[in-house]
Amino acid sequence: MPSSILCPNCRKLISKDEPQCPHCGLKHPASPLKYNFWTRGLKDPLKIIRWIIYLNAGMYVISLLLNPMIPRFSYNPLMFLSPENRSLLLLGATGTIPIGELNRWWTVISANYLHGSILHIFFNMFAFNQIAPLVVREYGVNRMIIMYTLGGAFGFIASYFAGVTFTIGASAALCSLIGASLYFGRSLGGNYGMAIYRQLGAWTLGIFIFGLLFPGINNWGHGGGLIAGAGMGYLMGYSERRRETVAHKLLAAACAFATVLVLVWAVVSALYYQTLR
């Protein structure tokens, strides 16, 4: 009797001898080449979410260590353990200064992984850990990666054209996920969809009220990310209407590769320029 395996693409139980998955059409699903790092990793959504959080935390720690002699303690809780602006600039903060004066367009990706204080990163990662599982469940992990990466970049591009001089944080990418979830809830309708729409609508309102009350908040980035997320939700669709395709997986892989490449370049170049001081 032939043994069974999980299809590496759709994760449905199939016979190991199947030449093609009867559920998703993947050819030779039992081939060892199908069980690579990418398919294994992306099929564990919680692991992908943790990796994104670890990347944010790692970049925050590096930003603190880059100038260890600079005092970072403050009685202001919003500024407690704040990296020096020079460290953030070297590691890929974005805005009109890094882009317009230094021509560092790659910072629209790196800035999503930089934060200005311990509270800044804590609240962003707490919110991300709440909203990302919803997006993965309704859109799939590949579309979540696309929305996080491109939505964050679009938010920072919008803030650049709005004249924001210096900005960082995962909130633009987070707002992209919120925008996609708002579209999903509104489009799906019913009790479940409208509950999501109302809850995240309240989140969105709170984010923009907070941005109006406190200086230094990049509302342009928030708004750009929100619009980008809703637009990508509409264009790519959610799982109930459209299954993830090969194009989604390829674009997610490109986004992940570009992110790693940019962050490695940011750290290496920052260490190089730091030695020139």
Protein backbone atom coordinates (compact mmCIF):
# COMPACT_ATOMS: atom_id res chain seq x y z
CA MET A 1 0.00 0.00 0.00
CA PRO A 2 1.59 3.34 -1.01
CA SER A 3 2.52 5.72 1.78
CA SER A 4 1.02 9.19 2.05
CA ILE A 5 2.65 12.59 2.13
CA LEU A 6 1.56 16.20 2.45
CA CYS A 7 1.72 18.08 -0.83
CA PRO A 8 4.52 20.69 -0.37
CA ASN A 9 2.37 23.28 -2.15
CA CYS A 10 -1.20 22.94 -0.83
CA ARG A 11 -0.47 20.73 2.24
CA LYS A 12 -3.24 18.26 1.37
CA LEU A 13 -2.77 14.55 2.11
CA ILE A 14 -1.97 12.62 -1.09
CA SER A 15 -0.40 9.35 -2.14
CA LYS A 16 3.38 9.39 -2.44
CA ASP A 17 3.06 7.76 -5.88
CA GLU A 18 0.88 10.52 -7.36
CA PRO A 19 2.55 12.00 -10.49
CA GLN A 20 0.57 15.20 -9.92
CA CYS A 21 -1.25 16.57 -6.87
CA PRO A 22 -4.99 16.09 -7.50
CA HIS A 23 -5.77 19.19 -5.41
CA CYS A 24 -3.40 21.88 -6.70
CA GLY A 25 -1.83 20.30 -9.79
CA LEU A 26 1.79 20.35 -8.55
CA LYS A 27 3.81 17.91 -10.65
CA HIS A 28 5.93 15.27 -8.92
CA PRO A 29 4.94 16.34 -5.40
CA ALA A 30 7.05 13.57 -3.81
CA SER A 31 10.26 14.84 -5.41
CA PRO A 32 12.90 15.82 -2.81
CA LEU A 33 13.40 19.05 -4.76
CA LYS A 34 9.88 20.11 -3.79
CA TYR A 35 10.76 19.92 -0.10
CA ASN A 36 13.22 22.75 -0.02
CA PHE A 37 13.84 25.45 2.55
CA TRP A 38 11.44 27.88 0.88
CA THR A 39 8.41 25.56 0.74
CA ARG A 40 9.01 24.27 4.27
CA GLY A 41 9.52 27.72 5.74
CA LEU A 42 6.57 29.41 4.06
CA LYS A 43 4.23 26.62 5.10
CA ASP A 44 4.83 27.51 8.74
CA PRO A 45 3.19 30.96 8.98
CA LEU A 46 4.08 31.41 12.65
CA LYS A 47 7.74 30.88 11.80
CA ILE A 48 7.60 33.53 9.07
CA ILE A 49 5.96 35.98 11.49
CA ARG A 50 8.64 35.24 14.08
CA TRP A 51 11.41 35.77 11.52
CA ILE A 52 10.06 39.21 10.69
CA ILE A 53 9.92 40.07 14.39
CA TYR A 54 13.47 38.75 14.88
CA LEU A 55 14.73 40.87 11.97
CA ASN A 56 13.17 43.98 13.50
CA ALA A 57 14.61 43.16 16.93
CA GLY A 58 18.03 42.40 15.47
CA MET A 59 18.21 45.68 13.58
CA TYR A 60 17.11 47.55 16.72
CA VAL A 61 19.90 45.97 18.78
CA ILE A 62 22.47 46.74 16.06
CA SER A 63 21.30 50.36 15.98
CA LEU A 64 21.94 50.60 19.73
CA LEU A 65 25.36 48.95 19.56
CA LEU A 66 26.58 50.99 16.59
CA ASN A 67 27.30 53.97 18.88
CA PRO A 68 27.59 52.39 22.35
CA MET A 69 29.07 55.50 24.00
CA ILE A 70 26.01 57.65 23.24
CA PRO A 71 23.67 57.91 26.28
CA ARG A 72 20.31 56.40 25.46
CA PHE A 73 18.50 56.66 28.78
CA SER A 74 15.73 59.20 29.16
CA TYR A 75 12.99 60.03 31.62
CA ASN A 76 10.69 60.32 28.62
CA PRO A 77 9.33 56.76 28.10
CA LEU A 78 8.87 57.45 24.38
CA MET A 79 12.63 58.11 24.06
CA PHE A 80 13.94 55.40 26.40
CA LEU A 81 16.75 53.37 24.79
CA SER A 82 16.72 55.46 21.63
CA PRO A 83 19.41 54.86 18.99
CA GLU A 84 21.39 57.86 17.77
CA ASN A 85 20.07 59.41 14.56
CA ARG A 86 23.44 58.84 12.90
CA SER A 87 23.15 55.11 13.58
CA LEU A 88 19.65 55.06 12.10
CA LEU A 89 20.81 57.01 9.05
CA LEU A 90 23.68 54.60 8.43
CA LEU A 91 21.41 51.57 8.84
CA GLY A 92 18.84 52.82 6.36
CA ALA A 93 16.44 55.42 7.74
CA THR A 94 14.52 57.00 4.88
CA GLY A 95 13.01 60.38 3.98
CA THR A 96 13.96 63.37 1.88
CA ILE A 97 17.45 63.56 3.40
CA PRO A 98 18.51 59.91 2.79
CA ILE A 99 16.74 59.69 -0.58
CA GLY A 100 16.88 63.23 -1.95
CA GLU A 101 20.37 64.18 -0.75
CA LEU A 102 22.11 60.79 -0.52
CA ASN A 103 20.20 58.94 -3.26
CA ARG A 104 19.55 55.95 -0.96
CA TRP A 105 16.30 54.66 -2.49
CA TRP A 106 16.83 51.24 -0.95
CA THR A 107 15.99 52.78 2.42
CA VAL A 108 12.25 52.49 1.67
CA ILE A 109 12.77 48.80 2.53
CA SER A 110 15.34 49.03 5.33
CA ALA A 111 13.44 51.75 7.24
CA ASN A 112 10.66 49.23 7.89
CA TYR A 113 13.05 47.36 10.21
CA LEU A 114 14.36 50.32 12.22
CA HIS A 115 12.84 51.81 15.37
CA GLY A 116 13.45 54.86 17.52
CA SER A 117 12.97 53.45 21.04
CA ILE A 118 12.12 50.33 23.00
CA LEU A 119 8.45 51.36 23.17
CA HIS A 120 8.38 52.08 19.45
CA ILE A 121 9.49 48.57 18.51
CA PHE A 122 7.45 46.91 21.26
CA PHE A 123 4.13 48.42 20.17
CA ASN A 124 4.80 47.88 16.47
CA MET A 125 5.78 44.22 16.95
CA PHE A 126 2.90 43.61 19.36
CA ALA A 127 0.45 44.96 16.79
CA PHE A 128 2.16 43.03 13.97
CA ASN A 129 1.92 39.81 15.98
CA GLN A 130 -1.82 40.44 16.34
CA ILE A 131 -2.68 41.34 12.74
CA ALA A 132 -0.23 39.17 10.74
CA PRO A 133 -1.89 35.81 11.65
CA LEU A 134 -5.24 37.17 10.38
CA VAL A 135 -3.66 38.23 7.07
CA VAL A 136 -1.90 34.87 6.71
CA ARG A 137 -5.14 33.01 7.41
CA GLU A 138 -7.21 34.97 4.90
CA TYR A 139 -4.60 35.74 2.20
CA GLY A 140 -1.83 33.18 2.71
CA VAL A 141 1.71 33.70 3.88
CA ASN A 142 3.10 34.66 0.45
CA ARG A 143 0.64 37.50 -0.01
CA MET A 144 1.32 38.63 3.55
CA ILE A 145 5.06 38.94 2.76
CA ILE A 146 4.26 40.92 -0.39
CA MET A 147 1.92 43.27 1.45
CA TYR A 148 4.34 43.82 4.32
CA THR A 149 7.28 44.58 2.01
CA LEU A 150 5.66 46.55 -0.80
CA GLY A 151 3.09 48.25 1.44
CA GLY A 152 5.81 49.52 3.75
CA ALA A 153 7.89 50.72 0.81
CA PHE A 154 4.89 52.47 -0.74
CA GLY A 155 4.13 54.21 2.56
CA PHE A 156 7.67 55.57 2.78
CA ILE A 157 7.64 56.64 -0.87
CA ALA A 158 4.41 58.55 -0.18
CA SER A 159 5.97 60.23 2.85
CA TYR A 160 9.06 61.12 0.78
CA PHE A 161 6.96 62.95 -1.79
CA ALA A 162 5.05 64.60 1.08
CA GLY A 163 8.36 66.06 2.31
CA VAL A 164 9.03 63.97 5.44
CA THR A 165 12.74 64.47 6.07
CA PHE A 166 13.67 61.51 8.28
CA THR A 167 11.52 58.51 9.18
CA ILE A 168 11.69 54.90 10.36
CA GLY A 169 9.45 52.17 11.75
CA ALA A 170 7.37 49.15 10.80
CA SER A 171 4.10 51.05 11.11
CA ALA A 172 3.80 51.72 7.35
CA ALA A 173 4.09 47.99 6.65
CA LEU A 174 1.73 47.28 9.54
CA CYS A 175 -0.82 49.71 8.11
CA SER A 176 -0.54 47.87 4.80
CA LEU A 177 -1.66 44.66 6.54
CA ILE A 178 -4.46 46.58 8.23
CA GLY A 179 -5.57 48.02 4.87
CA ALA A 180 -5.66 44.53 3.33
CA SER A 181 -7.67 43.26 6.30
CA LEU A 182 -10.11 46.16 6.04
CA TYR A 183 -10.66 45.33 2.37
CA PHE A 184 -11.14 41.66 3.23
CA GLY A 185 -13.69 42.38 5.94
CA ARG A 186 -15.66 44.81 3.81
CA SER A 187 -15.57 42.56 0.75
CA LEU A 188 -16.47 39.36 2.60
CA GLY A 189 -19.34 40.93 4.57
CA GLY A 190 -21.46 38.91 6.93
CA ASN A 191 -20.97 38.81 10.69
CA TYR A 192 -17.36 37.67 10.49
CA GLY A 193 -16.26 40.11 7.80
CA MET A 194 -17.99 43.12 9.33
CA ALA A 195 -16.61 42.29 12.79
CA ILE A 196 -13.09 42.43 11.35
CA TYR A 197 -13.91 45.60 9.45
CA ARG A 198 -15.29 47.38 12.52
CA GLN A 199 -12.48 46.28 14.85
CA LEU A 200 -9.68 47.24 12.47
CA GLY A 201 -11.52 50.40 11.51
CA ALA A 202 -11.30 51.41 15.18
CA TRP A 203 -7.58 50.55 15.14
CA THR A 204 -7.08 52.72 12.07
CA LEU A 205 -8.89 55.65 13.63
CA GLY A 206 -6.80 55.29 16.80
CA ILE A 207 -3.56 55.23 14.79
CA PHE A 208 -4.38 58.48 13.01
CA ILE A 209 -5.64 60.22 16.16
CA PHE A 210 -2.40 59.23 17.89
CA GLY A 211 -0.47 60.59 14.90
CA LEU A 212 -2.25 63.93 15.12
CA LEU A 213 -1.71 64.29 18.87
CA PHE A 214 1.99 63.46 19.00
CA PRO A 215 4.71 65.17 16.92
CA GLY A 216 7.08 63.17 14.79
CA ILE A 217 4.52 60.55 13.72
CA ASN A 218 4.64 59.78 9.99
CA ASN A 219 0.95 59.97 9.08
CA TRP A 220 1.84 60.06 5.39
CA GLY A 221 3.57 56.71 5.76
CA HIS A 222 0.59 55.30 7.65
CA GLY A 223 -1.85 56.53 5.02
CA GLY A 224 0.30 55.33 2.12
CA GLY A 225 0.67 51.89 3.68
CA LEU A 226 -3.06 51.66 4.36
CA ILE A 227 -3.98 52.53 0.76
CA ALA A 228 -1.32 50.18 -0.64
CA GLY A 229 -2.54 47.30 1.51
CA ALA A 230 -6.17 47.77 0.49
CA GLY A 231 -5.13 48.03 -3.16
CA MET A 232 -3.04 44.86 -3.02
CA GLY A 233 -5.85 43.06 -1.22
CA TYR A 234 -8.14 43.96 -4.10
CA LEU A 235 -5.64 43.11 -6.85
CA MET A 236 -4.32 39.84 -5.42
CA GLY A 237 -7.54 38.67 -3.82
CA TYR A 238 -7.98 36.64 -0.65
CA SER A 239 -8.02 32.89 -0.22
CA GLU A 240 -11.79 32.45 -0.31
CA ARG A 241 -11.90 34.01 -3.77
CA ARG A 242 -8.48 33.23 -5.24
CA ARG A 243 -5.94 30.62 -4.23
CA GLU A 244 -2.28 31.65 -3.97
CA THR A 245 -0.56 31.25 -7.33
CA VAL A 246 2.99 30.64 -8.52
CA ALA A 247 3.20 34.37 -9.29
CA HIS A 248 2.43 35.17 -5.64
CA LYS A 249 5.15 32.78 -4.49
CA LEU A 250 7.72 34.19 -6.89
CA LEU A 251 6.93 37.78 -5.88
CA ALA A 252 7.07 36.84 -2.18
CA ALA A 253 10.46 35.20 -2.77
CA ALA A 254 11.69 38.35 -4.55
CA CYS A 255 10.47 40.52 -1.66
CA ALA A 256 12.17 38.31 0.91
CA PHE A 257 15.42 38.20 -1.08
CA ALA A 258 15.40 41.98 -1.60
CA THR A 259 14.78 42.54 2.12
CA VAL A 260 17.66 40.31 3.21
CA LEU A 261 19.96 41.84 0.60
CA VAL A 262 19.08 45.40 1.66
CA LEU A 263 19.46 44.68 5.40
CA VAL A 264 22.83 42.95 4.91
CA TRP A 265 24.01 45.88 2.79
CA ALA A 266 22.72 48.33 5.43
CA VAL A 267 24.63 46.64 8.25
CA VAL A 268 27.86 46.12 6.29
CA SER A 269 27.90 49.67 4.93
CA ALA A 270 27.05 51.08 8.37
CA LEU A 271 29.98 49.22 9.95
CA TYR A 272 32.27 50.43 7.17
CA TYR A 273 31.32 54.09 7.56
CA GLN A 274 31.49 53.75 11.33
CA THR A 275 35.17 52.81 11.06
CA LEU A 276 35.83 56.02 9.12
CA ARG A 277 34.81 58.24 12.05
